[in-house]
PDB file of all heavy atoms in Angstrom:
ATOM      1  N   ARG A   1       0.829  -1.207   0.000  1.00  0.00           N
ATOM      2  CA  ARG A   1       0.000   0.000   0.000  1.00  0.00           C
ATOM      3  C   ARG A   1       0.862   1.254   0.000  1.00  0.00           C
ATOM      4  O   ARG A   1       0.548   2.248  -0.674  1.00  0.00           O
ATOM      5  CB  ARG A   1      -0.935  -0.011   1.212  1.00  0.00           C
ATOM      6  CG  ARG A   1      -2.035  -1.056   1.149  1.00  0.00           C
ATOM      7  CD  ARG A   1      -3.070  -0.815   2.221  1.00  0.00           C
ATOM      8  NE  ARG A   1      -2.498  -0.936   3.556  1.00  0.00           N
ATOM      9  CZ  ARG A   1      -2.468  -2.055   4.255  1.00  0.00           C
ATOM     10  NH1 ARG A   1      -2.970  -3.181   3.720  1.00  0.00           N
ATOM     11  NH2 ARG A   1      -1.951  -2.100   5.468  1.00  0.00           N
ATOM     12  N   GLN A   2       1.948   1.221   0.739  1.00  0.00           N
ATOM     13  CA  GLN A   2       2.839   2.372   0.778  1.00  0.00           C
ATOM     14  C   GLN A   2       3.466   2.615  -0.592  1.00  0.00           C
ATOM     15  O   GLN A   2       3.535   3.760  -1.062  1.00  0.00           O
ATOM     16  CB  GLN A   2       3.937   2.141   1.819  1.00  0.00           C
ATOM     17  CG  GLN A   2       4.917   3.292   1.938  1.00  0.00           C
ATOM     18  CD  GLN A   2       6.020   2.995   2.945  1.00  0.00           C
ATOM     19  OE1 GLN A   2       5.862   2.135   3.811  1.00  0.00           O
ATOM     20  NE2 GLN A   2       7.123   3.697   2.839  1.00  0.00           N
ATOM     21  N   VAL A   3       3.912   1.552  -1.246  1.00  0.00           N
ATOM     22  CA  VAL A   3       4.517   1.689  -2.573  1.00  0.00           C
ATOM     23  C   VAL A   3       3.498   2.220  -3.574  1.00  0.00           C
ATOM     24  O   VAL A   3       3.797   3.105  -4.389  1.00  0.00           O
ATOM     25  CB  VAL A   3       5.084   0.334  -3.046  1.00  0.00           C
ATOM     26  CG1 VAL A   3       5.493   0.408  -4.510  1.00  0.00           C
ATOM     27  CG2 VAL A   3       6.265  -0.067  -2.185  1.00  0.00           C
ATOM     28  N   GLN A   4       2.298   1.704  -3.544  1.00  0.00           N
ATOM     29  CA  GLN A   4       1.260   2.169  -4.464  1.00  0.00           C
ATOM     30  C   GLN A   4       0.964   3.648  -4.256  1.00  0.00           C
ATOM     31  O   GLN A   4       0.714   4.380  -5.225  1.00  0.00           O
ATOM     32  CB  GLN A   4      -0.008   1.335  -4.282  1.00  0.00           C
ATOM     33  CG  GLN A   4       0.141  -0.109  -4.755  1.00  0.00           C
ATOM     34  CD  GLN A   4      -1.034  -0.984  -4.366  1.00  0.00           C
ATOM     35  OE1 GLN A   4      -1.763  -0.683  -3.418  1.00  0.00           O
ATOM     36  NE2 GLN A   4      -1.223  -2.093  -5.072  1.00  0.00           N
ATOM     37  N   GLY A   5       1.012   4.099  -3.000  1.00  0.00           N
ATOM     38  CA  GLY A   5       0.811   5.516  -2.744  1.00  0.00           C
ATOM     39  C   GLY A   5       1.921   6.374  -3.321  1.00  0.00           C
ATOM     40  O   GLY A   5       1.668   7.442  -3.893  1.00  0.00           O
ATOM     41  N   HIS A   6       3.179   5.909  -3.198  1.00  0.00           N
ATOM     42  CA  HIS A   6       4.302   6.657  -3.767  1.00  0.00           C
ATOM     43  C   HIS A   6       4.228   6.678  -5.293  1.00  0.00           C
ATOM     44  O   HIS A   6       4.480   7.721  -5.917  1.00  0.00           O
ATOM     45  CB  HIS A   6       5.624   6.032  -3.331  1.00  0.00           C
ATOM     46  CG  HIS A   6       5.940   6.253  -1.881  1.00  0.00           C
ATOM     47  ND1 HIS A   6       5.767   7.458  -1.253  1.00  0.00           N
ATOM     48  CD2 HIS A   6       6.439   5.408  -0.935  1.00  0.00           C
ATOM     49  CE1 HIS A   6       6.130   7.368   0.012  1.00  0.00           C
ATOM     50  NE2 HIS A   6       6.537   6.136   0.236  1.00  0.00           N
ATOM     51  N   LEU A   7       3.902   5.551  -5.900  1.00  0.00           N
ATOM     52  CA  LEU A   7       3.900   5.470  -7.360  1.00  0.00           C
ATOM     53  C   LEU A   7       2.736   6.233  -7.986  1.00  0.00           C
ATOM     54  O   LEU A   7       2.794   6.564  -9.173  1.00  0.00           O
ATOM     55  CB  LEU A   7       3.844   4.003  -7.801  1.00  0.00           C
ATOM     56  CG  LEU A   7       5.095   3.170  -7.517  1.00  0.00           C
ATOM     57  CD1 LEU A   7       4.875   1.723  -7.941  1.00  0.00           C
ATOM     58  CD2 LEU A   7       6.308   3.746  -8.236  1.00  0.00           C
ATOM     59  N   SER A   8       1.695   6.502  -7.221  1.00  0.00           N
ATOM     60  CA  SER A   8       0.559   7.233  -7.782  1.00  0.00           C
ATOM     61  C   SER A   8       0.932   8.655  -8.173  1.00  0.00           C
ATOM     62  O   SER A   8       0.237   9.289  -8.973  1.00  0.00           O
ATOM     63  CB  SER A   8      -0.598   7.260  -6.774  1.00  0.00           C
ATOM     64  OG  SER A   8      -0.220   7.975  -5.602  1.00  0.00           O
ATOM     65  N   HIS A   9       2.035   9.173  -7.636  1.00  0.00           N
ATOM     66  CA  HIS A   9       2.483  10.529  -7.953  1.00  0.00           C
ATOM     67  C   HIS A   9       3.627  10.541  -8.971  1.00  0.00           C
ATOM     68  O   HIS A   9       4.195  11.595  -9.239  1.00  0.00           O
ATOM     69  CB  HIS A   9       2.936  11.243  -6.689  1.00  0.00           C
ATOM     70  CG  HIS A   9       1.899  11.268  -5.606  1.00  0.00           C
ATOM     71  ND1 HIS A   9       0.722  11.981  -5.703  1.00  0.00           N
ATOM     72  CD2 HIS A   9       1.838  10.629  -4.401  1.00  0.00           C
ATOM     73  CE1 HIS A   9      -0.001  11.811  -4.618  1.00  0.00           C
ATOM     74  NE2 HIS A   9       0.638  10.995  -3.806  1.00  0.00           N
ATOM     75  N   LYS A  10       3.967   9.358  -9.515  1.00  0.00           N
ATOM     76  CA  LYS A  10       5.102   9.278 -10.434  1.00  0.00           C
ATOM     77  C   LYS A  10       4.652   8.691 -11.762  1.00  0.00           C
ATOM     78  O   LYS A  10       3.805   7.809 -11.805  1.00  0.00           O
ATOM     79  CB  LYS A  10       6.229   8.416  -9.837  1.00  0.00           C
ATOM     80  CG  LYS A  10       6.773   8.964  -8.529  1.00  0.00           C
ATOM     81  CD  LYS A  10       7.897   8.111  -8.001  1.00  0.00           C
ATOM     82  CE  LYS A  10       8.416   8.640  -6.675  1.00  0.00           C
ATOM     83  NZ  LYS A  10       8.970  10.004  -6.816  1.00  0.00           N
ATOM     84  N   ARG A  11       5.251   9.192 -12.823  1.00  0.00           N
ATOM     85  CA  ARG A  11       4.958   8.679 -14.168  1.00  0.00           C
ATOM     86  C   ARG A  11       6.029   7.671 -14.550  1.00  0.00           C
ATOM     87  O   ARG A  11       6.953   7.967 -15.293  1.00  0.00           O
ATOM     88  CB  ARG A  11       4.921   9.824 -15.170  1.00  0.00           C
ATOM     89  CG  ARG A  11       3.811  10.837 -14.911  1.00  0.00           C
ATOM     90  CD  ARG A  11       3.823  11.944 -15.957  1.00  0.00           C
ATOM     91  NE  ARG A  11       2.741  12.897 -15.719  1.00  0.00           N
ATOM     92  CZ  ARG A  11       2.530  13.976 -16.473  1.00  0.00           C
ATOM     93  NH1 ARG A  11       3.339  14.216 -17.515  1.00  0.00           N
ATOM     94  NH2 ARG A  11       1.532  14.794 -16.197  1.00  0.00           N
ATOM     95  N   ALA A  12       5.933   6.506 -14.010  1.00  0.00           N
ATOM     96  CA  ALA A  12       6.917   5.454 -14.285  1.00  0.00           C
ATOM     97  C   ALA A  12       6.207   4.113 -14.281  1.00  0.00           C
ATOM     98  O   ALA A  12       5.320   3.860 -13.456  1.00  0.00           O
ATOM     99  CB  ALA A  12       8.032   5.466 -13.242  1.00  0.00           C
ATOM    100  N   CYS A  13       6.606   3.252 -15.221  1.00  0.00           N
ATOM    101  CA  CYS A  13       6.026   1.910 -15.309  1.00  0.00           C
ATOM    102  C   CYS A  13       6.799   0.972 -14.393  1.00  0.00           C
ATOM    103  O   CYS A  13       7.741   0.298 -14.816  1.00  0.00           O
ATOM    104  CB  CYS A  13       6.050   1.416 -16.753  1.00  0.00           C
ATOM    105  SG  CYS A  13       5.052   2.413 -17.887  1.00  0.00           S
ATOM    106  N   VAL A  14       6.415   0.942 -13.144  1.00  0.00           N
ATOM    107  CA  VAL A  14       7.082   0.124 -12.144  1.00  0.00           C
ATOM    108  C   VAL A  14       6.044  -0.773 -11.481  1.00  0.00           C
ATOM    109  O   VAL A  14       4.970  -0.306 -11.084  1.00  0.00           O
ATOM    110  CB  VAL A  14       7.786   0.986 -11.074  1.00  0.00           C
ATOM    111  CG1 VAL A  14       8.465   0.117 -10.033  1.00  0.00           C
ATOM    112  CG2 VAL A  14       8.796   1.919 -11.727  1.00  0.00           C
ATOM    113  N   ASP A  15       6.351  -2.051 -11.379  1.00  0.00           N
ATOM    114  CA  ASP A  15       5.461  -2.996 -10.712  1.00  0.00           C
ATOM    115  C   ASP A  15       5.607  -2.822  -9.200  1.00  0.00           C
ATOM    116  O   ASP A  15       6.704  -2.987  -8.663  1.00  0.00           O
ATOM    117  CB  ASP A  15       5.826  -4.427 -11.111  1.00  0.00           C
ATOM    118  CG  ASP A  15       4.805  -5.436 -10.613  1.00  0.00           C
ATOM    119  OD1 ASP A  15       4.026  -5.100  -9.694  1.00  0.00           O
ATOM    120  OD2 ASP A  15       4.793  -6.570 -11.116  1.00  0.00           O
ATOM    121  N   PRO A  16       4.545  -2.465  -8.484  1.00  0.00           N
ATOM    122  CA  PRO A  16       4.654  -2.286  -7.030  1.00  0.00           C
ATOM    123  C   PRO A  16       5.181  -3.524  -6.313  1.00  0.00           C
ATOM    124  O   PRO A  16       5.898  -3.410  -5.318  1.00  0.00           O
ATOM    125  CB  PRO A  16       3.212  -1.965  -6.611  1.00  0.00           C
ATOM    126  CG  PRO A  16       2.570  -1.418  -7.838  1.00  0.00           C
ATOM    127  CD  PRO A  16       3.198  -2.151  -8.985  1.00  0.00           C
ATOM    128  N   ASN A  17       4.846  -4.712  -6.821  1.00  0.00           N
ATOM    129  CA  ASN A  17       5.330  -5.936  -6.180  1.00  0.00           C
ATOM    130  C   ASN A  17       6.849  -6.057  -6.291  1.00  0.00           C
ATOM    131  O   ASN A  17       7.508  -6.561  -5.380  1.00  0.00           O
ATOM    132  CB  ASN A  17       4.662  -7.162  -6.800  1.00  0.00           C
ATOM    133  CG  ASN A  17       3.195  -7.252  -6.447  1.00  0.00           C
ATOM    134  OD1 ASN A  17       2.822  -7.532  -5.317  1.00  0.00           O
ATOM    135  ND2 ASN A  17       2.336  -6.986  -7.421  1.00  0.00           N
ATOM    136  N   ASP A  18       7.408  -5.593  -7.412  1.00  0.00           N
ATOM    137  CA  ASP A  18       8.864  -5.607  -7.554  1.00  0.00           C
ATOM    138  C   ASP A  18       9.519  -4.683  -6.532  1.00  0.00           C
ATOM    139  O   ASP A  18      10.578  -4.998  -5.969  1.00  0.00           O
ATOM    140  CB  ASP A  18       9.259  -5.172  -8.969  1.00  0.00           C
ATOM    141  CG  ASP A  18       8.862  -6.194 -10.024  1.00  0.00           C
ATOM    142  OD1 ASP A  18       8.596  -7.356  -9.640  1.00  0.00           O
ATOM    143  OD2 ASP A  18       8.815  -5.837 -11.210  1.00  0.00           O
ATOM    144  N   VAL A  19       8.894  -3.539  -6.289  1.00  0.00           N
ATOM    145  CA  VAL A  19       9.442  -2.601  -5.307  1.00  0.00           C
ATOM    146  C   VAL A  19       9.390  -3.212  -3.904  1.00  0.00           C
ATOM    147  O   VAL A  19      10.334  -3.078  -3.118  1.00  0.00           O
ATOM    148  CB  VAL A  19       8.669  -1.268  -5.340  1.00  0.00           C
ATOM    149  CG1 VAL A  19       9.257  -0.275  -4.334  1.00  0.00           C
ATOM    150  CG2 VAL A  19       8.698  -0.667  -6.729  1.00  0.00           C
ATOM    151  N   VAL A  20       8.286  -3.882  -3.596  1.00  0.00           N
ATOM    152  CA  VAL A  20       8.158  -4.512  -2.274  1.00  0.00           C
ATOM    153  C   VAL A  20       9.226  -5.581  -2.082  1.00  0.00           C
ATOM    154  O   VAL A  20       9.881  -5.649  -1.037  1.00  0.00           O
ATOM    155  CB  VAL A  20       6.748  -5.116  -2.106  1.00  0.00           C
ATOM    156  CG1 VAL A  20       6.664  -5.939  -0.825  1.00  0.00           C
ATOM    157  CG2 VAL A  20       5.701  -4.006  -2.081  1.00  0.00           C
ATOM    158  N   GLN A  21       9.437  -6.423  -3.099  1.00  0.00           N
ATOM    159  CA  GLN A  21      10.445  -7.478  -2.983  1.00  0.00           C
ATOM    160  C   GLN A  21      11.838  -6.881  -2.822  1.00  0.00           C
ATOM    161  O   GLN A  21      12.649  -7.364  -2.024  1.00  0.00           O
ATOM    162  CB  GLN A  21      10.391  -8.379  -4.222  1.00  0.00           C
ATOM    163  CG  GLN A  21       9.089  -9.119  -4.418  1.00  0.00           C
ATOM    164  CD  GLN A  21       8.769 -10.079  -3.281  1.00  0.00           C
ATOM    165  OE1 GLN A  21       9.654 -10.578  -2.609  1.00  0.00           O
ATOM    166  NE2 GLN A  21       7.487 -10.324  -3.053  1.00  0.00           N
ATOM    167  N   GLU A  22      12.130  -5.829  -3.567  1.00  0.00           N
ATOM    168  CA  GLU A  22      13.436  -5.185  -3.459  1.00  0.00           C
ATOM    169  C   GLU A  22      13.619  -4.547  -2.090  1.00  0.00           C
ATOM    170  O   GLU A  22      14.716  -4.570  -1.525  1.00  0.00           O
ATOM    171  CB  GLU A  22      13.576  -4.117  -4.560  1.00  0.00           C
ATOM    172  CG  GLU A  22      14.935  -3.459  -4.622  1.00  0.00           C
ATOM    173  CD  GLU A  22      16.029  -4.392  -5.128  1.00  0.00           C
ATOM    174  OE1 GLU A  22      15.679  -5.435  -5.727  1.00  0.00           O
ATOM    175  OE2 GLU A  22      17.217  -4.093  -4.920  1.00  0.00           O
ATOM    176  N   SER A  23      12.548  -3.999  -1.540  1.00  0.00           N
ATOM    177  CA  SER A  23      12.625  -3.401  -0.206  1.00  0.00           C
ATOM    178  C   SER A  23      12.924  -4.457   0.849  1.00  0.00           C
ATOM    179  O   SER A  23      13.778  -4.248   1.726  1.00  0.00           O
ATOM    180  CB  SER A  23      11.302  -2.690   0.118  1.00  0.00           C
ATOM    181  OG  SER A  23      11.027  -1.658  -0.803  1.00  0.00           O
ATOM    182  N   PHE A  24      12.241  -5.599   0.775  1.00  0.00           N
ATOM    183  CA  PHE A  24      12.524  -6.666   1.728  1.00  0.00           C
ATOM    184  C   PHE A  24      13.937  -7.212   1.547  1.00  0.00           C
ATOM    185  O   PHE A  24      14.599  -7.600   2.522  1.00  0.00           O
ATOM    186  CB  PHE A  24      11.507  -7.799   1.579  1.00  0.00           C
ATOM    187  CG  PHE A  24      10.245  -7.584   2.357  1.00  0.00           C
ATOM    188  CD1 PHE A  24       9.047  -7.320   1.712  1.00  0.00           C
ATOM    189  CD2 PHE A  24      10.251  -7.628   3.737  1.00  0.00           C
ATOM    190  CE1 PHE A  24       7.887  -7.103   2.424  1.00  0.00           C
ATOM    191  CE2 PHE A  24       9.091  -7.427   4.462  1.00  0.00           C
ATOM    192  CZ  PHE A  24       7.904  -7.164   3.808  1.00  0.00           C
ATOM    193  N   LEU A  25      14.410  -7.242   0.309  1.00  0.00           N
ATOM    194  CA  LEU A  25      15.778  -7.687   0.071  1.00  0.00           C
ATOM    195  C   LEU A  25      16.770  -6.753   0.759  1.00  0.00           C
ATOM    196  O   LEU A  25      17.735  -7.203   1.382  1.00  0.00           O
ATOM    197  CB  LEU A  25      16.057  -7.747  -1.422  1.00  0.00           C
ATOM    198  CG  LEU A  25      17.476  -8.159  -1.833  1.00  0.00           C
ATOM    199  CD1 LEU A  25      17.806  -9.553  -1.318  1.00  0.00           C
ATOM    200  CD2 LEU A  25      17.623  -8.114  -3.352  1.00  0.00           C
ATOM    201  N   ASN A  26      16.538  -5.452   0.671  1.00  0.00           N
ATOM    202  CA  ASN A  26      17.422  -4.498   1.335  1.00  0.00           C
ATOM    203  C   ASN A  26      17.370  -4.652   2.854  1.00  0.00           C
ATOM    204  O   ASN A  26      18.399  -4.550   3.536  1.00  0.00           O
ATOM    205  CB  ASN A  26      17.022  -3.073   0.948  1.00  0.00           C
ATOM    206  CG  ASN A  26      17.318  -2.769  -0.504  1.00  0.00           C
ATOM    207  OD1 ASN A  26      18.185  -3.388  -1.115  1.00  0.00           O
ATOM    208  ND2 ASN A  26      16.590  -1.830  -1.081  1.00  0.00           N
ATOM    209  N   ILE A  27      16.194  -4.907   3.387  1.00  0.00           N
ATOM    210  CA  ILE A  27      16.073  -5.128   4.833  1.00  0.00           C
ATOM    211  C   ILE A  27      16.824  -6.384   5.241  1.00  0.00           C
ATOM    212  O   ILE A  27      17.516  -6.424   6.261  1.00  0.00           O
ATOM    213  CB  ILE A  27      14.582  -5.221   5.228  1.00  0.00           C
ATOM    214  CG1 ILE A  27      13.905  -3.856   5.060  1.00  0.00           C
ATOM    215  CG2 ILE A  27      14.426  -5.711   6.662  1.00  0.00           C
ATOM    216  CD1 ILE A  27      12.401  -3.893   5.258  1.00  0.00           C
ATOM    217  N   TYR A  28      16.703  -7.431   4.427  1.00  0.00           N
ATOM    218  CA  TYR A  28      17.338  -8.706   4.754  1.00  0.00           C
ATOM    219  C   TYR A  28      18.857  -8.613   4.687  1.00  0.00           C
ATOM    220  O   TYR A  28      19.557  -9.223   5.496  1.00  0.00           O
ATOM    221  CB  TYR A  28      16.837  -9.778   3.780  1.00  0.00           C
ATOM    222  CG  TYR A  28      17.134 -11.190   4.215  1.00  0.00           C
ATOM    223  CD1 TYR A  28      16.183 -11.940   4.886  1.00  0.00           C
ATOM    224  CD2 TYR A  28      18.368 -11.777   3.955  1.00  0.00           C
ATOM    225  CE1 TYR A  28      16.440 -13.231   5.291  1.00  0.00           C
ATOM    226  CE2 TYR A  28      18.639 -13.065   4.356  1.00  0.00           C
ATOM    227  CZ  TYR A  28      17.673 -13.796   5.023  1.00  0.00           C
ATOM    228  OH  TYR A  28      17.960 -15.064   5.422  1.00  0.00           O
ATOM    229  N   ARG A  29      19.355  -7.849   3.742  1.00  0.00           N
ATOM    230  CA  ARG A  29      20.804  -7.799   3.534  1.00  0.00           C
ATOM    231  C   ARG A  29      21.523  -6.947   4.572  1.00  0.00           C
ATOM    232  O   ARG A  29      22.694  -7.167   4.853  1.00  0.00           O
ATOM    233  CB  ARG A  29      21.091  -7.243   2.133  1.00  0.00           C
ATOM    234  CG  ARG A  29      20.710  -8.187   1.020  1.00  0.00           C
ATOM    235  CD  ARG A  29      20.573  -7.478  -0.286  1.00  0.00           C
ATOM    236  NE  ARG A  29      21.820  -6.907  -0.742  1.00  0.00           N
ATOM    237  CZ  ARG A  29      21.914  -6.128  -1.829  1.00  0.00           C
ATOM    238  NH1 ARG A  29      20.838  -5.822  -2.513  1.00  0.00           N
ATOM    239  NH2 ARG A  29      23.077  -5.665  -2.211  1.00  0.00           N
ATOM    240  N   TYR A  30      20.829  -5.974   5.150  1.00  0.00           N
ATOM    241  CA  TYR A  30      21.515  -5.033   6.024  1.00  0.00           C
ATOM    242  C   TYR A  30      20.802  -4.875   7.375  1.00  0.00           C
ATOM    243  O   TYR A  30      20.440  -3.765   7.778  1.00  0.00           O
ATOM    244  CB  TYR A  30      21.634  -3.677   5.332  1.00  0.00           C
ATOM    245  CG  TYR A  30      22.355  -3.778   4.013  1.00  0.00           C
ATOM    246  CD1 TYR A  30      21.640  -3.774   2.813  1.00  0.00           C
ATOM    247  CD2 TYR A  30      23.735  -3.914   3.953  1.00  0.00           C
ATOM    248  CE1 TYR A  30      22.296  -3.901   1.592  1.00  0.00           C
ATOM    249  CE2 TYR A  30      24.387  -4.042   2.745  1.00  0.00           C
ATOM    250  CZ  TYR A  30      23.671  -4.029   1.576  1.00  0.00           C
ATOM    251  OH  TYR A  30      24.323  -4.154   0.385  1.00  0.00           O
ATOM    252  N   PRO A  31      20.585  -5.961   8.105  1.00  0.00           N
ATOM    253  CA  PRO A  31      19.916  -5.836   9.404  1.00  0.00           C
ATOM    254  C   PRO A  31      20.758  -5.095  10.434  1.00  0.00           C
ATOM    255  O   PRO A  31      20.216  -4.542  11.392  1.00  0.00           O
ATOM    256  CB  PRO A  31      19.704  -7.302   9.819  1.00  0.00           C
ATOM    257  CG  PRO A  31      20.772  -8.059   9.100  1.00  0.00           C
ATOM    258  CD  PRO A  31      20.959  -7.354   7.788  1.00  0.00           C
ATOM    259  N   HIS A  32      22.072  -5.069  10.244  1.00  0.00           N
ATOM    260  CA  HIS A  32      22.937  -4.401  11.216  1.00  0.00           C
ATOM    261  C   HIS A  32      22.725  -2.897  11.233  1.00  0.00           C
ATOM    262  O   HIS A  32      23.164  -2.217  12.173  1.00  0.00           O
ATOM    263  CB  HIS A  32      24.402  -4.697  10.898  1.00  0.00           C
ATOM    264  CG  HIS A  32      24.832  -4.244   9.536  1.00  0.00           C
ATOM    265  ND1 HIS A  32      24.552  -4.976   8.386  1.00  0.00           N
ATOM    266  CD2 HIS A  32      25.494  -3.126   9.126  1.00  0.00           C
ATOM    267  CE1 HIS A  32      25.037  -4.325   7.334  1.00  0.00           C
ATOM    268  NE2 HIS A  32      25.607  -3.204   7.757  1.00  0.00           N
ATOM    269  N   ARG A  33      22.024  -2.349  10.246  1.00  0.00           N
ATOM    270  CA  ARG A  33      21.758  -0.919  10.201  1.00  0.00           C
ATOM    271  C   ARG A  33      20.483  -0.545  10.955  1.00  0.00           C
ATOM    272  O   ARG A  33      20.096   0.629  10.972  1.00  0.00           O
ATOM    273  CB  ARG A  33      21.657  -0.446   8.751  1.00  0.00           C
ATOM    274  CG  ARG A  33      22.891  -0.804   7.915  1.00  0.00           C
ATOM    275  CD  ARG A  33      22.735  -0.356   6.481  1.00  0.00           C
ATOM    276  NE  ARG A  33      22.850   1.084   6.359  1.00  0.00           N
ATOM    277  CZ  ARG A  33      24.009   1.719   6.194  1.00  0.00           C
ATOM    278  NH1 ARG A  33      25.133   1.035   6.160  1.00  0.00           N
ATOM    279  NH2 ARG A  33      24.045   3.020   6.076  1.00  0.00           N
ATOM    280  N   PHE A  34      19.846  -1.537  11.574  1.00  0.00           N
ATOM    281  CA  PHE A  34      18.610  -1.291  12.324  1.00  0.00           C
ATOM    282  C   PHE A  34      18.933  -1.053  13.792  1.00  0.00           C
ATOM    283  O   PHE A  34      19.616  -1.847  14.430  1.00  0.00           O
ATOM    284  CB  PHE A  34      17.665  -2.490  12.180  1.00  0.00           C
ATOM    285  CG  PHE A  34      16.414  -2.377  13.001  1.00  0.00           C
ATOM    286  CD1 PHE A  34      15.448  -1.438  12.702  1.00  0.00           C
ATOM    287  CD2 PHE A  34      16.211  -3.219  14.078  1.00  0.00           C
ATOM    288  CE1 PHE A  34      14.296  -1.336  13.454  1.00  0.00           C
ATOM    289  CE2 PHE A  34      15.059  -3.136  14.839  1.00  0.00           C
ATOM    290  CZ  PHE A  34      14.105  -2.184  14.517  1.00  0.00           C
ATOM    291  N   PHE A  35      18.408   0.031  14.342  1.00  0.00           N
ATOM    292  CA  PHE A  35      18.627   0.375  15.742  1.00  0.00           C
ATOM    293  C   PHE A  35      17.274   0.518  16.427  1.00  0.00           C
ATOM    294  O   PHE A  35      16.345   1.120  15.891  1.00  0.00           O
ATOM    295  CB  PHE A  35      19.422   1.676  15.873  1.00  0.00           C
ATOM    296  CG  PHE A  35      20.798   1.598  15.272  1.00  0.00           C
ATOM    297  CD1 PHE A  35      21.033   2.062  13.990  1.00  0.00           C
ATOM    298  CD2 PHE A  35      21.852   1.053  15.989  1.00  0.00           C
ATOM    299  CE1 PHE A  35      22.302   1.982  13.421  1.00  0.00           C
ATOM    300  CE2 PHE A  35      23.118   0.968  15.438  1.00  0.00           C
ATOM    301  CZ  PHE A  35      23.343   1.434  14.158  1.00  0.00           C
ATOM    302  N   VAL A  36      17.184  -0.041  17.622  1.00  0.00           N
ATOM    303  CA  VAL A  36      15.928  -0.038  18.371  1.00  0.00           C
ATOM    304  C   VAL A  36      16.023   1.014  19.473  1.00  0.00           C
ATOM    305  O   VAL A  36      16.796   0.878  20.419  1.00  0.00           O
ATOM    306  CB  VAL A  36      15.649  -1.422  18.985  1.00  0.00           C
ATOM    307  CG1 VAL A  36      14.330  -1.396  19.742  1.00  0.00           C
ATOM    308  CG2 VAL A  36      15.617  -2.494  17.904  1.00  0.00           C
ATOM    309  N   ASP A  37      15.229   2.073  19.331  1.00  0.00           N
ATOM    310  CA  ASP A  37      15.171   3.089  20.374  1.00  0.00           C
ATOM    311  C   ASP A  37      13.741   3.325  20.863  1.00  0.00           C
ATOM    312  O   ASP A  37      13.526   4.074  21.812  1.00  0.00           O
ATOM    313  CB  ASP A  37      15.755   4.408  19.867  1.00  0.00           C
ATOM    314  CG  ASP A  37      15.096   4.884  18.574  1.00  0.00           C
ATOM    315  OD1 ASP A  37      14.252   4.132  18.037  1.00  0.00           O
ATOM    316  OD2 ASP A  37      15.433   5.986  18.107  1.00  0.00           O
ATOM    317  N   ARG A  38      12.783   2.677  20.204  1.00  0.00           N
ATOM    318  CA  ARG A  38      11.386   2.802  20.637  1.00  0.00           C
ATOM    319  C   ARG A  38      10.599   1.628  20.040  1.00  0.00           C
ATOM    320  O   ARG A  38      11.115   0.892  19.214  1.00  0.00           O
ATOM    321  CB  ARG A  38      10.784   4.134  20.188  1.00  0.00           C
ATOM    322  CG  ARG A  38      10.818   4.358  18.693  1.00  0.00           C
ATOM    323  CD  ARG A  38      10.333   5.757  18.324  1.00  0.00           C
ATOM    324  NE  ARG A  38      10.220   5.931  16.880  1.00  0.00           N
ATOM    325  CZ  ARG A  38      11.209   6.277  16.101  1.00  0.00           C
ATOM    326  NH1 ARG A  38      12.415   6.502  16.617  1.00  0.00           N
ATOM    327  NH2 ARG A  38      11.012   6.428  14.794  1.00  0.00           N
ATOM    328  N   ALA A  39       9.349   1.511  20.470  1.00  0.00           N
ATOM    329  CA  ALA A  39       8.549   0.355  20.065  1.00  0.00           C
ATOM    330  C   ALA A  39       8.211   0.355  18.585  1.00  0.00           C
ATOM    331  O   ALA A  39       8.028  -0.708  17.988  1.00  0.00           O
ATOM    332  CB  ALA A  39       7.250   0.306  20.883  1.00  0.00           C
ATOM    333  N   ASP A  40       8.131   1.529  17.956  1.00  0.00           N
ATOM    334  CA  ASP A  40       7.792   1.592  16.531  1.00  0.00           C
ATOM    335  C   ASP A  40       9.024   1.883  15.673  1.00  0.00           C
ATOM    336  O   ASP A  40       8.901   2.472  14.593  1.00  0.00           O
ATOM    337  CB  ASP A  40       6.720   2.652  16.279  1.00  0.00           C
ATOM    338  CG  ASP A  40       7.172   4.050  16.685  1.00  0.00           C
ATOM    339  OD1 ASP A  40       8.204   4.162  17.386  1.00  0.00           O
ATOM    340  OD2 ASP A  40       6.511   5.024  16.295  1.00  0.00           O
ATOM    341  N   ALA A  41      10.202   1.465  16.129  1.00  0.00           N
ATOM    342  CA  ALA A  41      11.440   1.746  15.395  1.00  0.00           C
ATOM    343  C   ALA A  41      11.423   1.135  13.998  1.00  0.00           C
ATOM    344  O   ALA A  41      11.895   1.745  13.038  1.00  0.00           O
ATOM    345  CB  ALA A  41      12.647   1.231  16.188  1.00  0.00           C
ATOM    346  N   PHE A  42      10.878  -0.065  13.879  1.00  0.00           N
ATOM    347  CA  PHE A  42      10.874  -0.713  12.562  1.00  0.00           C
ATOM    348  C   PHE A  42      10.004   0.047  11.572  1.00  0.00           C
ATOM    349  O   PHE A  42      10.338   0.124  10.379  1.00  0.00           O
ATOM    350  CB  PHE A  42      10.377  -2.160  12.683  1.00  0.00           C
ATOM    351  CG  PHE A  42      10.288  -2.872  11.359  1.00  0.00           C
ATOM    352  CD1 PHE A  42      11.425  -3.386  10.755  1.00  0.00           C
ATOM    353  CD2 PHE A  42       9.070  -3.019  10.710  1.00  0.00           C
ATOM    354  CE1 PHE A  42      11.352  -4.039   9.527  1.00  0.00           C
ATOM    355  CE2 PHE A  42       8.993  -3.664   9.483  1.00  0.00           C
ATOM    356  CZ  PHE A  42      10.141  -4.176   8.895  1.00  0.00           C
TER     357      PHE A  42
END
């Protein structure tokens, strides 16, 4: 839903599902960059 909201303002042929998969890939590859300072940190 977040990706679809961002793409609604852009003129680009991008599959939202591809963006979601790439986002999860980035999260998976770099977990050491995540810091917990509050309950909604993620």
